[in-house]
Amino acid sequence: MSDILKLVGAKILDYRKEKGISQEELGELAGFHFSYIGGVERGERNLSLTNIGKIADCLDVDLYKLFSYVSINKEVSEKEKIIRDVLINLIDKEPKEINMINNIIEEIFDTFYEK
């Protein structure tokens, strides 16, 4: 179970840094002590779903995004990061929409590589 705690904690850390806020600021916004936030980010705290929801709200991120991750301790290339972001954007779309987007991508590549 500690792997999932580390993975979710790492996602929280990434989103917090992306927002440019400190552990203290996030803790204050969510109603937690900054040391609790640090423990969460290091995967040392087994936080409840309620607390994960509070943190997600304060980071202004959809809850499911805290659970979409790649293996921890794995170097992720820029290409893999972009692909992950595309997948995250598609995750809540209907199959019809995903197929349409895929068709658009294929058209773009066909046009680009024909020249």
Protein backbone atom coordinates (compact mmCIF):
# COMPACT_ATOMS: atom_id res chain seq x y z
CA MET A 1 0.00 0.00 0.00
CA SER A 2 2.88 2.40 0.57
CA ASP A 3 3.44 2.59 -3.21
CA ILE A 4 0.02 4.15 -3.77
CA LEU A 5 0.67 6.60 -0.94
CA LYS A 6 3.95 7.62 -2.58
CA LEU A 7 2.36 7.88 -6.01
CA VAL A 8 -0.55 10.03 -4.84
CA GLY A 9 1.80 12.08 -2.67
CA ALA A 10 4.07 12.70 -5.66
CA LYS A 11 1.10 13.88 -7.72
CA ILE A 12 0.05 16.25 -4.94
CA LEU A 13 3.61 17.58 -4.78
CA ASP A 14 3.67 18.08 -8.58
CA TYR A 15 0.37 19.96 -8.60
CA ARG A 16 1.36 22.06 -5.57
CA LYS A 17 4.61 23.09 -7.23
CA GLU A 18 2.79 23.75 -10.49
CA LYS A 19 0.51 26.15 -8.56
CA GLY A 20 3.57 27.78 -6.98
CA ILE A 21 2.38 27.39 -3.40
CA SER A 22 4.25 26.16 -0.36
CA GLN A 23 3.33 23.28 1.92
CA GLU A 24 2.36 25.88 4.51
CA GLU A 25 0.00 27.61 2.07
CA LEU A 26 -1.60 24.36 0.95
CA GLY A 27 -1.97 23.26 4.55
CA GLU A 28 -3.64 26.54 5.47
CA LEU A 29 -6.01 26.36 2.50
CA ALA A 30 -6.98 22.75 3.23
CA GLY A 31 -7.09 23.09 7.02
CA PHE A 32 -4.01 20.96 7.76
CA HIS A 33 -0.64 21.56 9.38
CA PHE A 34 2.20 21.93 6.87
CA SER A 35 3.93 18.89 8.38
CA TYR A 36 0.87 16.81 7.46
CA ILE A 37 1.17 18.00 3.84
CA GLY A 38 4.87 17.09 3.87
CA GLY A 39 4.06 13.62 5.16
CA VAL A 40 1.40 13.19 2.47
CA GLU A 41 3.80 14.26 -0.28
CA ARG A 42 6.44 11.81 0.97
CA GLY A 43 3.90 8.99 1.10
CA GLU A 44 4.17 8.69 4.88
CA ARG A 45 0.55 9.56 5.68
CA ASN A 46 -2.41 7.32 4.93
CA LEU A 47 -4.86 10.08 4.18
CA SER A 48 -8.61 9.60 3.96
CA LEU A 49 -10.63 10.15 0.80
CA THR A 50 -12.15 13.19 2.46
CA ASN A 51 -8.69 14.71 2.97
CA ILE A 52 -7.62 13.83 -0.57
CA GLY A 53 -10.75 15.63 -1.76
CA LYS A 54 -9.91 18.72 0.31
CA ILE A 55 -6.38 18.82 -1.09
CA ALA A 56 -7.62 18.33 -4.67
CA ASP A 57 -10.10 21.19 -4.21
CA CYS A 58 -7.39 23.49 -2.87
CA LEU A 59 -5.12 22.60 -5.79
CA ASP A 60 -8.07 23.12 -8.17
CA VAL A 61 -7.48 19.71 -9.73
CA ASP A 62 -9.95 16.94 -10.52
CA LEU A 63 -9.70 14.22 -7.91
CA TYR A 64 -9.04 11.45 -10.44
CA LYS A 65 -5.90 13.23 -11.63
CA LEU A 66 -4.26 12.49 -8.29
CA PHE A 67 -4.64 8.80 -9.12
CA SER A 68 -3.37 8.92 -12.71
CA TYR A 69 0.35 8.38 -12.61
CA VAL A 70 3.31 6.57 -14.03
CA SER A 71 5.65 4.40 -12.02
CA ILE A 72 7.40 6.20 -9.21
CA ASN A 73 11.19 6.54 -9.39
CA LYS A 74 11.02 6.24 -13.16
CA GLU A 75 12.51 9.00 -15.22
CA VAL A 76 9.79 10.24 -17.52
CA SER A 77 10.76 11.75 -20.84
CA GLU A 78 9.17 14.93 -22.12
CA LYS A 79 7.41 12.83 -24.77
CA GLU A 80 5.92 10.54 -22.09
CA LYS A 81 4.73 13.56 -20.08
CA ILE A 82 2.95 14.97 -23.12
CA ILE A 83 1.36 11.61 -23.95
CA ARG A 84 0.20 11.29 -20.32
CA ASP A 85 -1.36 14.76 -20.51
CA VAL A 86 -3.18 13.83 -23.73
CA LEU A 87 -4.51 10.65 -22.09
CA ILE A 88 -5.66 12.59 -19.03
CA ASN A 89 -7.55 14.98 -21.32
CA LEU A 90 -9.23 12.05 -23.09
CA ILE A 91 -10.10 9.97 -20.03
CA ASP A 92 -13.56 11.43 -19.46
CA LYS A 93 -14.53 11.66 -23.12
CA GLU A 94 -17.03 9.39 -24.84
CA PRO A 95 -15.72 6.79 -27.31
CA LYS A 96 -17.31 8.73 -30.17
CA GLU A 97 -15.38 11.88 -29.17
CA ILE A 98 -12.12 9.96 -28.78
CA ASN A 99 -12.57 8.42 -32.22
CA MET A 100 -13.23 11.85 -33.71
CA ILE A 101 -10.07 13.25 -32.09
CA ASN A 102 -8.07 10.28 -33.35
CA ASN A 103 -9.37 10.86 -36.87
CA ILE A 104 -8.33 14.51 -36.69
CA ILE A 105 -4.85 13.51 -35.54
CA GLU A 106 -4.55 11.00 -38.40
CA GLU A 107 -5.64 13.68 -40.91
CA ILE A 108 -3.05 16.09 -39.55
CA PHE A 109 -0.27 13.49 -39.83
CA ASP A 110 -1.41 12.41 -43.31
CA THR A 111 -1.34 16.03 -44.46
CA PHE A 112 1.98 16.77 -42.77
CA TYR A 113 3.78 13.70 -44.13
CA GLU A 114 2.37 13.98 -47.68
CA LYS A 115 4.44 17.08 -48.36
